[in-house]
Amino acid sequence: MDAVAARARALAPDMPVVCAFLELQEPTLAQAAAGLVAAGATELAVLPMFLGVGRHARDDLPRLVAELRERHPAVAFRLQTSVGEDSRVVELLAKIAVE
């Protein structure tokens, strides 16, 4: 994830990019969002770095983003679909698999 974040920063240097974690590591999503909001962010996109749609993507993230919306009503939060649902990721994984 850190490598993806670093590459995203290189592609869009004016856009703040922060990794957040649902368990076992910090910052949590709430901590990362609070830091971005404190830095002046008014829009936040949450990109789940999951290949599948399990409990975290299906249940936990929507609940956590709803809590963030309540905590930061002046901020627009957008929960994107998990990366594993993006056809470009599926295509790249398939190409890697057949090499």
PDB file of N, CA and C in Angstrom:
ATOM      1  N   MET A   1       0.819  -1.191   0.000  1.00  0.00           N
ATOM      2  CA  MET A   1       0.000   0.000   0.000  1.00  0.00           C
ATOM      3  C   MET A   1       0.859   1.249   0.000  1.00  0.00           C
ATOM      4  N   ASP A   2       1.952   1.209   0.746  1.00  0.00           N
ATOM      5  CA  ASP A   2       2.825   2.380   0.783  1.00  0.00           C
ATOM      6  C   ASP A   2       3.388   2.692  -0.593  1.00  0.00           C
ATOM      7  N   ALA A   3       3.705   1.665  -1.370  1.00  0.00           N
ATOM      8  CA  ALA A   3       4.226   1.878  -2.721  1.00  0.00           C
ATOM      9  C   ALA A   3       3.157   2.502  -3.615  1.00  0.00           C
ATOM     10  N   VAL A   4       1.924   2.076  -3.470  1.00  0.00           N
ATOM     11  CA  VAL A   4       0.824   2.656  -4.250  1.00  0.00           C
ATOM     12  C   VAL A   4       0.634   4.120  -3.853  1.00  0.00           C
ATOM     13  N   ALA A   5       0.665   4.400  -2.560  1.00  0.00           N
ATOM     14  CA  ALA A   5       0.521   5.781  -2.094  1.00  0.00           C
ATOM     15  C   ALA A   5       1.652   6.653  -2.610  1.00  0.00           C
ATOM     16  N   ALA A   6       2.869   6.145  -2.585  1.00  0.00           N
ATOM     17  CA  ALA A   6       4.013   6.909  -3.083  1.00  0.00           C
ATOM     18  C   ALA A   6       3.859   7.198  -4.575  1.00  0.00           C
ATOM     19  N   ARG A   7       3.406   6.213  -5.320  1.00  0.00           N
ATOM     20  CA  ARG A   7       3.205   6.415  -6.762  1.00  0.00           C
ATOM     21  C   ARG A   7       2.078   7.406  -7.016  1.00  0.00           C
ATOM     22  N   ALA A   8       1.004   7.342  -6.231  1.00  0.00           N
ATOM     23  CA  ALA A   8      -0.102   8.297  -6.372  1.00  0.00           C
ATOM     24  C   ALA A   8       0.380   9.717  -6.088  1.00  0.00           C
ATOM     25  N   ARG A   9       1.216   9.869  -5.070  1.00  0.00           N
ATOM     26  CA  ARG A   9       1.773  11.190  -4.763  1.00  0.00           C
ATOM     27  C   ARG A   9       2.615  11.714  -5.927  1.00  0.00           C
ATOM     28  N   ALA A  10       3.363  10.823  -6.566  1.00  0.00           N
ATOM     29  CA  ALA A  10       4.185  11.221  -7.708  1.00  0.00           C
ATOM     30  C   ALA A  10       3.314  11.630  -8.894  1.00  0.00           C
ATOM     31  N   LEU A  11       2.209  10.934  -9.091  1.00  0.00           N
ATOM     32  CA  LEU A  11       1.306  11.246 -10.199  1.00  0.00           C
ATOM     33  C   LEU A  11       0.498  12.511  -9.967  1.00  0.00           C
ATOM     34  N   ALA A  12       0.180  12.790  -8.703  1.00  0.00           N
ATOM     35  CA  ALA A  12      -0.640  13.956  -8.354  1.00  0.00           C
ATOM     36  C   ALA A  12      -0.029  14.651  -7.137  1.00  0.00           C
ATOM     37  N   PRO A  13       1.089  15.364  -7.341  1.00  0.00           N
ATOM     38  CA  PRO A  13       1.817  15.930  -6.202  1.00  0.00           C
ATOM     39  C   PRO A  13       1.037  16.958  -5.383  1.00  0.00           C
ATOM     40  N   ASP A  14      -0.002  17.541  -5.950  1.00  0.00           N
ATOM     41  CA  ASP A  14      -0.793  18.523  -5.205  1.00  0.00           C
ATOM     42  C   ASP A  14      -1.921  17.890  -4.395  1.00  0.00           C
ATOM     43  N   MET A  15      -2.089  16.585  -4.528  1.00  0.00           N
ATOM     44  CA  MET A  15      -3.154  15.886  -3.821  1.00  0.00           C
ATOM     45  C   MET A  15      -2.567  15.129  -2.632  1.00  0.00           C
ATOM     46  N   PRO A  16      -3.023  15.427  -1.433  1.00  0.00           N
ATOM     47  CA  PRO A  16      -2.521  14.664  -0.283  1.00  0.00           C
ATOM     48  C   PRO A  16      -3.023  13.227  -0.327  1.00  0.00           C
ATOM     49  N   VAL A  17      -2.118  12.299  -0.093  1.00  0.00           N
ATOM     50  CA  VAL A  17      -2.442  10.875  -0.105  1.00  0.00           C
ATOM     51  C   VAL A  17      -1.963  10.286   1.212  1.00  0.00           C
ATOM     52  N   VAL A  18      -2.858   9.608   1.914  1.00  0.00           N
ATOM     53  CA  VAL A  18      -2.536   9.013   3.204  1.00  0.00           C
ATOM     54  C   VAL A  18      -3.065   7.591   3.238  1.00  0.00           C
ATOM     55  N   CYS A  19      -2.255   6.672   3.719  1.00  0.00           N
ATOM     56  CA  CYS A  19      -2.723   5.307   3.943  1.00  0.00           C
ATOM     57  C   CYS A  19      -3.414   5.242   5.301  1.00  0.00           C
ATOM     58  N   ALA A  20      -4.460   4.449   5.377  1.00  0.00           N
ATOM     59  CA  ALA A  20      -5.157   4.208   6.633  1.00  0.00           C
ATOM     60  C   ALA A  20      -5.429   2.707   6.731  1.00  0.00           C
ATOM     61  N   PHE A  21      -5.645   2.249   7.942  1.00  0.00           N
ATOM     62  CA  PHE A  21      -5.792   0.821   8.173  1.00  0.00           C
ATOM     63  C   PHE A  21      -7.035   0.549   9.017  1.00  0.00           C
ATOM     64  N   LEU A  22      -7.646  -0.601   8.769  1.00  0.00           N
ATOM     65  CA  LEU A  22      -8.839  -0.972   9.526  1.00  0.00           C
ATOM     66  C   LEU A  22      -8.510  -1.719  10.807  1.00  0.00           C
ATOM     67  N   GLU A  23      -7.361  -2.366  10.834  1.00  0.00           N
ATOM     68  CA  GLU A  23      -6.989  -3.099  12.044  1.00  0.00           C
ATOM     69  C   GLU A  23      -5.484  -3.351  12.055  1.00  0.00           C
ATOM     70  N   LEU A  24      -4.968  -3.584  13.211  1.00  0.00           N
ATOM     71  CA  LEU A  24      -3.583  -3.982  13.452  1.00  0.00           C
ATOM     72  C   LEU A  24      -2.537  -2.891  13.242  1.00  0.00           C
ATOM     73  N   GLN A  25      -2.868  -1.797  12.598  1.00  0.00           N
ATOM     74  CA  GLN A  25      -1.905  -0.753  12.307  1.00  0.00           C
ATOM     75  C   GLN A  25      -2.557   0.611  12.393  1.00  0.00           C
ATOM     76  N   GLU A  26      -1.750   1.622  12.582  1.00  0.00           N
ATOM     77  CA  GLU A  26      -2.239   2.992  12.539  1.00  0.00           C
ATOM     78  C   GLU A  26      -1.543   3.723  11.403  1.00  0.00           C
ATOM     79  N   PRO A  27      -2.155   4.769  10.896  1.00  0.00           N
ATOM     80  CA  PRO A  27      -3.348   5.431  11.401  1.00  0.00           C
ATOM     81  C   PRO A  27      -4.626   4.695  10.993  1.00  0.00           C
ATOM     82  N   THR A  28      -5.613   4.820  11.845  1.00  0.00           N
ATOM     83  CA  THR A  28      -6.933   4.309  11.498  1.00  0.00           C
ATOM     84  C   THR A  28      -7.532   5.247  10.449  1.00  0.00           C
ATOM     85  N   LEU A  29      -8.632   4.840   9.873  1.00  0.00           N
ATOM     86  CA  LEU A  29      -9.311   5.701   8.916  1.00  0.00           C
ATOM     87  C   LEU A  29      -9.727   7.005   9.578  1.00  0.00           C
ATOM     88  N   ALA A  30     -10.233   6.929  10.795  1.00  0.00           N
ATOM     89  CA  ALA A  30     -10.651   8.137  11.512  1.00  0.00           C
ATOM     90  C   ALA A  30      -9.458   9.061  11.772  1.00  0.00           C
ATOM     91  N   GLN A  31      -8.321   8.496  12.150  1.00  0.00           N
ATOM     92  CA  GLN A  31      -7.129   9.311  12.400  1.00  0.00           C
ATOM     93  C   GLN A  31      -6.628   9.962  11.114  1.00  0.00           C
ATOM     94  N   ALA A  32      -6.568   9.197  10.043  1.00  0.00           N
ATOM     95  CA  ALA A  32      -6.098   9.738   8.766  1.00  0.00           C
ATOM     96  C   ALA A  32      -7.025  10.842   8.277  1.00  0.00           C
ATOM     97  N   ALA A  33      -8.328  10.611   8.373  1.00  0.00           N
ATOM     98  CA  ALA A  33      -9.295  11.621   7.939  1.00  0.00           C
ATOM     99  C   ALA A  33      -9.180  12.881   8.788  1.00  0.00           C
ATOM    100  N   ALA A  34      -9.040  12.720  10.093  1.00  0.00           N
ATOM    101  CA  ALA A  34      -8.912  13.888  10.978  1.00  0.00           C
ATOM    102  C   ALA A  34      -7.693  14.718  10.614  1.00  0.00           C
ATOM    103  N   GLY A  35      -6.593  14.062  10.298  1.00  0.00           N
ATOM    104  CA  GLY A  35      -5.389  14.783   9.902  1.00  0.00           C
ATOM    105  C   GLY A  35      -5.577  15.546   8.607  1.00  0.00           C
ATOM    106  N   LEU A  36      -6.232  14.933   7.639  1.00  0.00           N
ATOM    107  CA  LEU A  36      -6.483  15.601   6.367  1.00  0.00           C
ATOM    108  C   LEU A  36      -7.448  16.769   6.533  1.00  0.00           C
ATOM    109  N   VAL A  37      -8.476  16.578   7.350  1.00  0.00           N
ATOM    110  CA  VAL A  37      -9.440  17.652   7.603  1.00  0.00           C
ATOM    111  C   VAL A  37      -8.745  18.803   8.326  1.00  0.00           C
ATOM    112  N   ALA A  38      -7.910  18.493   9.296  1.00  0.00           N
ATOM    113  CA  ALA A  38      -7.166  19.538  10.020  1.00  0.00           C
ATOM    114  C   ALA A  38      -6.243  20.311   9.082  1.00  0.00           C
ATOM    115  N   ALA A  39      -5.780  19.643   8.021  1.00  0.00           N
ATOM    116  CA  ALA A  39      -4.903  20.295   7.042  1.00  0.00           C
ATOM    117  C   ALA A  39      -5.705  21.085   5.999  1.00  0.00           C
ATOM    118  N   GLY A  40      -7.032  21.046   6.103  1.00  0.00           N
ATOM    119  CA  GLY A  40      -7.866  21.847   5.220  1.00  0.00           C
ATOM    120  C   GLY A  40      -8.632  21.109   4.147  1.00  0.00           C
ATOM    121  N   ALA A  41      -8.583  19.790   4.145  1.00  0.00           N
ATOM    122  CA  ALA A  41      -9.311  19.022   3.127  1.00  0.00           C
ATOM    123  C   ALA A  41     -10.812  19.210   3.287  1.00  0.00           C
ATOM    124  N   THR A  42     -11.488  19.390   2.165  1.00  0.00           N
ATOM    125  CA  THR A  42     -12.948  19.503   2.166  1.00  0.00           C
ATOM    126  C   THR A  42     -13.602  18.346   1.415  1.00  0.00           C
ATOM    127  N   GLU A  43     -12.782  17.549   0.740  1.00  0.00           N
ATOM    128  CA  GLU A  43     -13.250  16.346   0.042  1.00  0.00           C
ATOM    129  C   GLU A  43     -12.253  15.233   0.303  1.00  0.00           C
ATOM    130  N   LEU A  44     -12.769  14.061   0.614  1.00  0.00           N
ATOM    131  CA  LEU A  44     -11.905  12.900   0.842  1.00  0.00           C
ATOM    132  C   LEU A  44     -12.464  11.696   0.098  1.00  0.00           C
ATOM    133  N   ALA A  45     -11.601  11.034  -0.639  1.00  0.00           N
ATOM    134  CA  ALA A  45     -11.963   9.791  -1.309  1.00  0.00           C
ATOM    135  C   ALA A  45     -11.305   8.649  -0.548  1.00  0.00           C
ATOM    136  N   VAL A  46     -12.068   7.626  -0.271  1.00  0.00           N
ATOM    137  CA  VAL A  46     -11.568   6.442   0.418  1.00  0.00           C
ATOM    138  C   VAL A  46     -11.523   5.319  -0.615  1.00  0.00           C
ATOM    139  N   LEU A  47     -10.300   4.838  -0.884  1.00  0.00           N
ATOM    140  CA  LEU A  47     -10.114   3.768  -1.866  1.00  0.00           C
ATOM    141  C   LEU A  47      -9.746   2.483  -1.142  1.00  0.00           C
ATOM    142  N   PRO A  48     -10.680   1.540  -1.034  1.00  0.00           N
ATOM    143  CA  PRO A  48     -10.380   0.268  -0.371  1.00  0.00           C
ATOM    144  C   PRO A  48      -9.400  -0.558  -1.199  1.00  0.00           C
ATOM    145  N   MET A  49      -8.296  -0.916  -0.595  1.00  0.00           N
ATOM    146  CA  MET A  49      -7.264  -1.687  -1.284  1.00  0.00           C
ATOM    147  C   MET A  49      -7.486  -3.183  -1.048  1.00  0.00           C
ATOM    148  N   PHE A  50      -8.667  -3.636  -1.376  1.00  0.00           N
ATOM    149  CA  PHE A  50      -9.043  -5.037  -1.226  1.00  0.00           C
ATOM    150  C   PHE A  50      -9.262  -5.638  -2.606  1.00  0.00           C
ATOM    151  N   LEU A  51      -8.801  -6.873  -2.793  1.00  0.00           N
ATOM    152  CA  LEU A  51      -9.029  -7.548  -4.067  1.00  0.00           C
ATOM    153  C   LEU A  51     -10.434  -8.117  -4.161  1.00  0.00           C
ATOM    154  N   GLY A  52     -11.015  -8.444  -3.023  1.00  0.00           N
ATOM    155  CA  GLY A  52     -12.365  -8.978  -2.990  1.00  0.00           C
ATOM    156  C   GLY A  52     -13.267  -8.113  -2.145  1.00  0.00           C
ATOM    157  N   VAL A  53     -14.540  -8.411  -2.184  1.00  0.00           N
ATOM    158  CA  VAL A  53     -15.502  -7.655  -1.392  1.00  0.00           C
ATOM    159  C   VAL A  53     -15.926  -8.524  -0.219  1.00  0.00           C
ATOM    160  N   GLY A  54     -15.143  -8.458   0.834  1.00  0.00           N
ATOM    161  CA  GLY A  54     -15.440  -9.196   2.055  1.00  0.00           C
ATOM    162  C   GLY A  54     -16.120  -8.306   3.069  1.00  0.00           C
ATOM    163  N   ARG A  55     -16.082  -8.745   4.302  1.00  0.00           N
ATOM    164  CA  ARG A  55     -16.754  -8.031   5.391  1.00  0.00           C
ATOM    165  C   ARG A  55     -16.271  -6.597   5.537  1.00  0.00           C
ATOM    166  N   HIS A  56     -14.967  -6.382   5.430  1.00  0.00           N
ATOM    167  CA  HIS A  56     -14.448  -5.019   5.586  1.00  0.00           C
ATOM    168  C   HIS A  56     -15.034  -4.079   4.533  1.00  0.00           C
ATOM    169  N   ALA A  57     -14.985  -4.486   3.280  1.00  0.00           N
ATOM    170  CA  ALA A  57     -15.472  -3.632   2.196  1.00  0.00           C
ATOM    171  C   ALA A  57     -16.996  -3.518   2.201  1.00  0.00           C
ATOM    172  N   ARG A  58     -17.661  -4.596   2.535  1.00  0.00           N
ATOM    173  CA  ARG A  58     -19.118  -4.632   2.476  1.00  0.00           C
ATOM    174  C   ARG A  58     -19.778  -3.986   3.693  1.00  0.00           C
ATOM    175  N   ASP A  59     -19.211  -4.206   4.898  1.00  0.00           N
ATOM    176  CA  ASP A  59     -19.865  -3.759   6.125  1.00  0.00           C
ATOM    177  C   ASP A  59     -19.097  -2.665   6.874  1.00  0.00           C
ATOM    178  N   ASP A  60     -17.812  -2.943   7.140  1.00  0.00           N
ATOM    179  CA  ASP A  60     -17.042  -2.056   8.005  1.00  0.00           C
ATOM    180  C   ASP A  60     -16.809  -0.675   7.387  1.00  0.00           C
ATOM    181  N   LEU A  61     -16.346  -0.635   6.159  1.00  0.00           N
ATOM    182  CA  LEU A  61     -16.027   0.659   5.546  1.00  0.00           C
ATOM    183  C   LEU A  61     -17.244   1.570   5.391  1.00  0.00           C
ATOM    184  N   PRO A  62     -18.380   1.090   4.887  1.00  0.00           N
ATOM    185  CA  PRO A  62     -19.542   1.983   4.809  1.00  0.00           C
ATOM    186  C   PRO A  62     -19.937   2.548   6.177  1.00  0.00           C
ATOM    187  N   ARG A  63     -19.840   1.727   7.216  1.00  0.00           N
ATOM    188  CA  ARG A  63     -20.167   2.199   8.561  1.00  0.00           C
ATOM    189  C   ARG A  63     -19.163   3.259   9.010  1.00  0.00           C
ATOM    190  N   LEU A  64     -17.874   3.015   8.792  1.00  0.00           N
ATOM    191  CA  LEU A  64     -16.840   3.968   9.196  1.00  0.00           C
ATOM    192  C   LEU A  64     -16.951   5.285   8.429  1.00  0.00           C
ATOM    193  N   VAL A  65     -17.252   5.213   7.148  1.00  0.00           N
ATOM    194  CA  VAL A  65     -17.415   6.439   6.357  1.00  0.00           C
ATOM    195  C   VAL A  65     -18.655   7.202   6.813  1.00  0.00           C
ATOM    196  N   ALA A  66     -19.720   6.507   7.167  1.00  0.00           N
ATOM    197  CA  ALA A  66     -20.909   7.181   7.709  1.00  0.00           C
ATOM    198  C   ALA A  66     -20.564   7.910   9.008  1.00  0.00           C
ATOM    199  N   GLU A  67     -19.759   7.286   9.854  1.00  0.00           N
ATOM    200  CA  GLU A  67     -19.316   7.937  11.091  1.00  0.00           C
ATOM    201  C   GLU A  67     -18.474   9.178  10.783  1.00  0.00           C
ATOM    202  N   LEU A  68     -17.621   9.092   9.772  1.00  0.00           N
ATOM    203  CA  LEU A  68     -16.807  10.243   9.382  1.00  0.00           C
ATOM    204  C   LEU A  68     -17.686  11.384   8.888  1.00  0.00           C
ATOM    205  N   ARG A  69     -18.720  11.064   8.137  1.00  0.00           N
ATOM    206  CA  ARG A  69     -19.643  12.099   7.647  1.00  0.00           C
ATOM    207  C   ARG A  69     -20.333  12.808   8.799  1.00  0.00           C
ATOM    208  N   GLU A  70     -20.680  12.055   9.836  1.00  0.00           N
ATOM    209  CA  GLU A  70     -21.298  12.666  11.019  1.00  0.00           C
ATOM    210  C   GLU A  70     -20.298  13.535  11.777  1.00  0.00           C
ATOM    211  N   ARG A  71     -19.070  13.054  11.893  1.00  0.00           N
ATOM    212  CA  ARG A  71     -18.031  13.764  12.640  1.00  0.00           C
ATOM    213  C   ARG A  71     -17.543  15.011  11.906  1.00  0.00           C
ATOM    214  N   HIS A  72     -17.554  14.964  10.581  1.00  0.00           N
ATOM    215  CA  HIS A  72     -17.042  16.069   9.762  1.00  0.00           C
ATOM    216  C   HIS A  72     -18.092  16.446   8.707  1.00  0.00           C
ATOM    217  N   PRO A  73     -19.191  17.079   9.127  1.00  0.00           N
ATOM    218  CA  PRO A  73     -20.289  17.340   8.186  1.00  0.00           C
ATOM    219  C   PRO A  73     -19.942  18.301   7.049  1.00  0.00           C
ATOM    220  N   ALA A  74     -18.905  19.095   7.191  1.00  0.00           N
ATOM    221  CA  ALA A  74     -18.525  20.042   6.134  1.00  0.00           C
ATOM    222  C   ALA A  74     -17.642  19.393   5.063  1.00  0.00           C
ATOM    223  N   VAL A  75     -17.312  18.127   5.252  1.00  0.00           N
ATOM    224  CA  VAL A  75     -16.419  17.430   4.333  1.00  0.00           C
ATOM    225  C   VAL A  75     -17.214  16.427   3.503  1.00  0.00           C
ATOM    226  N   ALA A  76     -16.928  16.390   2.208  1.00  0.00           N
ATOM    227  CA  ALA A  76     -17.562  15.415   1.312  1.00  0.00           C
ATOM    228  C   ALA A  76     -16.701  14.157   1.296  1.00  0.00           C
ATOM    229  N   PHE A  77     -17.279  13.045   1.699  1.00  0.00           N
ATOM    230  CA  PHE A  77     -16.579  11.754   1.693  1.00  0.00           C
ATOM    231  C   PHE A  77     -17.127  10.902   0.556  1.00  0.00           C
ATOM    232  N   ARG A  78     -16.217  10.304  -0.211  1.00  0.00           N
ATOM    233  CA  ARG A  78     -16.610   9.406  -1.302  1.00  0.00           C
ATOM    234  C   ARG A  78     -15.934   8.060  -1.069  1.00  0.00           C
ATOM    235  N   LEU A  79     -16.746   7.038  -0.892  1.00  0.00           N
ATOM    236  CA  LEU A  79     -16.233   5.680  -0.731  1.00  0.00           C
ATOM    237  C   LEU A  79     -16.233   5.017  -2.095  1.00  0.00           C
ATOM    238  N   GLN A  80     -15.035   4.774  -2.622  1.00  0.00           N
ATOM    239  CA  GLN A  80     -14.896   4.168  -3.933  1.00  0.00           C
ATOM    240  C   GLN A  80     -15.039   2.653  -3.818  1.00  0.00           C
ATOM    241  N   THR A  81     -15.209   1.995  -4.945  1.00  0.00           N
ATOM    242  CA  THR A  81     -15.277   0.539  -4.929  1.00  0.00           C
ATOM    243  C   THR A  81     -13.877  -0.028  -4.690  1.00  0.00           C
ATOM    244  N   SER A  82     -13.819  -1.223  -4.184  1.00  0.00           N
ATOM    245  CA  SER A  82     -12.531  -1.874  -3.916  1.00  0.00           C
ATOM    246  C   SER A  82     -11.737  -2.016  -5.202  1.00  0.00           C
ATOM    247  N   VAL A  83     -10.416  -1.922  -5.081  1.00  0.00           N
ATOM    248  CA  VAL A  83      -9.565  -1.982  -6.280  1.00  0.00           C
ATOM    249  C   VAL A  83      -9.768  -3.279  -7.047  1.00  0.00           C
ATOM    250  N   GLY A  84     -10.073  -4.354  -6.357  1.00  0.00           N
ATOM    251  CA  GLY A  84     -10.276  -5.638  -7.021  1.00  0.00           C
ATOM    252  C   GLY A  84     -11.510  -5.693  -7.902  1.00  0.00           C
ATOM    253  N   GLU A  85     -12.378  -4.703  -7.793  1.00  0.00           N
ATOM    254  CA  GLU A  85     -13.560  -4.625  -8.649  1.00  0.00           C
ATOM    255  C   GLU A  85     -13.309  -3.801  -9.908  1.00  0.00           C
ATOM    256  N   ASP A  86     -12.151  -3.182  -9.990  1.00  0.00           N
ATOM    257  CA  ASP A  86     -11.809  -2.357 -11.148  1.00  0.00           C
ATOM    258  C   ASP A  86     -11.308  -3.264 -12.271  1.00  0.00           C
ATOM    259  N   SER A  87     -11.905  -3.170 -13.438  1.00  0.00           N
ATOM    260  CA  SER A  87     -11.539  -4.046 -14.547  1.00  0.00           C
ATOM    261  C   SER A  87     -10.075  -3.893 -14.942  1.00  0.00           C
ATOM    262  N   ARG A  88      -9.486  -2.721 -14.709  1.00  0.00           N
ATOM    263  CA  ARG A  88      -8.072  -2.525 -15.039  1.00  0.00           C
ATOM    264  C   ARG A  88      -7.181  -3.356 -14.127  1.00  0.00           C
ATOM    265  N   VAL A  89      -7.555  -3.459 -12.864  1.00  0.00           N
ATOM    266  CA  VAL A  89      -6.787  -4.277 -11.921  1.00  0.00           C
ATOM    267  C   VAL A  89      -6.947  -5.750 -12.267  1.00  0.00           C
ATOM    268  N   VAL A  90      -8.162  -6.164 -12.565  1.00  0.00           N
ATOM    269  CA  VAL A  90      -8.409  -7.548 -12.949  1.00  0.00           C
ATOM    270  C   VAL A  90      -7.596  -7.903 -14.187  1.00  0.00           C
ATOM    271  N   GLU A  91      -7.573  -7.020 -15.170  1.00  0.00           N
ATOM    272  CA  GLU A  91      -6.808  -7.252 -16.395  1.00  0.00           C
ATOM    273  C   GLU A  91      -5.315  -7.379 -16.097  1.00  0.00           C
ATOM    274  N   LEU A  92      -4.782  -6.483 -15.278  1.00  0.00           N
ATOM    275  CA  LEU A  92      -3.361  -6.536 -14.937  1.00  0.00           C
ATOM    276  C   LEU A  92      -3.018  -7.813 -14.171  1.00  0.00           C
ATOM    277  N   LEU A  93      -3.853  -8.202 -13.229  1.00  0.00           N
ATOM    278  CA  LEU A  93      -3.606  -9.433 -12.485  1.00  0.00           C
ATOM    279  C   LEU A  93      -3.647 -10.648 -13.408  1.00  0.00           C
ATOM    280  N   ALA A  94      -4.572 -10.652 -14.342  1.00  0.00           N
ATOM    281  CA  ALA A  94      -4.654 -11.769 -15.285  1.00  0.00           C
ATOM    282  C   ALA A  94      -3.398 -11.837 -16.148  1.00  0.00           C
ATOM    283  N   LYS A  95      -2.910 -10.677 -16.595  1.00  0.00           N
ATOM    284  CA  LYS A  95      -1.676 -10.649 -17.398  1.00  0.00           C
ATOM    285  C   LYS A  95      -0.477 -11.149 -16.588  1.00  0.00           C
ATOM    286  N   ILE A  96      -0.394 -10.749 -15.350  1.00  0.00           N
ATOM    287  CA  ILE A  96       0.697 -11.223 -14.480  1.00  0.00           C
ATOM    288  C   ILE A  96       0.589 -12.726 -14.294  1.00  0.00           C
ATOM    289  N   ALA A  97      -0.631 -13.228 -14.127  1.00  0.00           N
ATOM    290  CA  ALA A  97      -0.836 -14.660 -13.885  1.00  0.00           C
ATOM    291  C   ALA A  97      -0.404 -15.521 -15.059  1.00  0.00           C
ATOM    292  N   VAL A  98      -0.592 -15.028 -16.263  1.00  0.00           N
ATOM    293  CA  VAL A  98      -0.275 -15.855 -17.427  1.00  0.00           C
ATOM    294  C   VAL A  98       1.165 -15.690 -17.920  1.00  0.00           C
ATOM    295  N   GLU A  99       1.911 -14.829 -17.311  1.00  0.00           N
ATOM    296  CA  GLU A  99       3.319 -14.655 -17.720  1.00  0.00           C
ATOM    297  C   GLU A  99       4.161 -15.819 -17.265  1.00  0.00           C
TER     298      GLU A  99
END
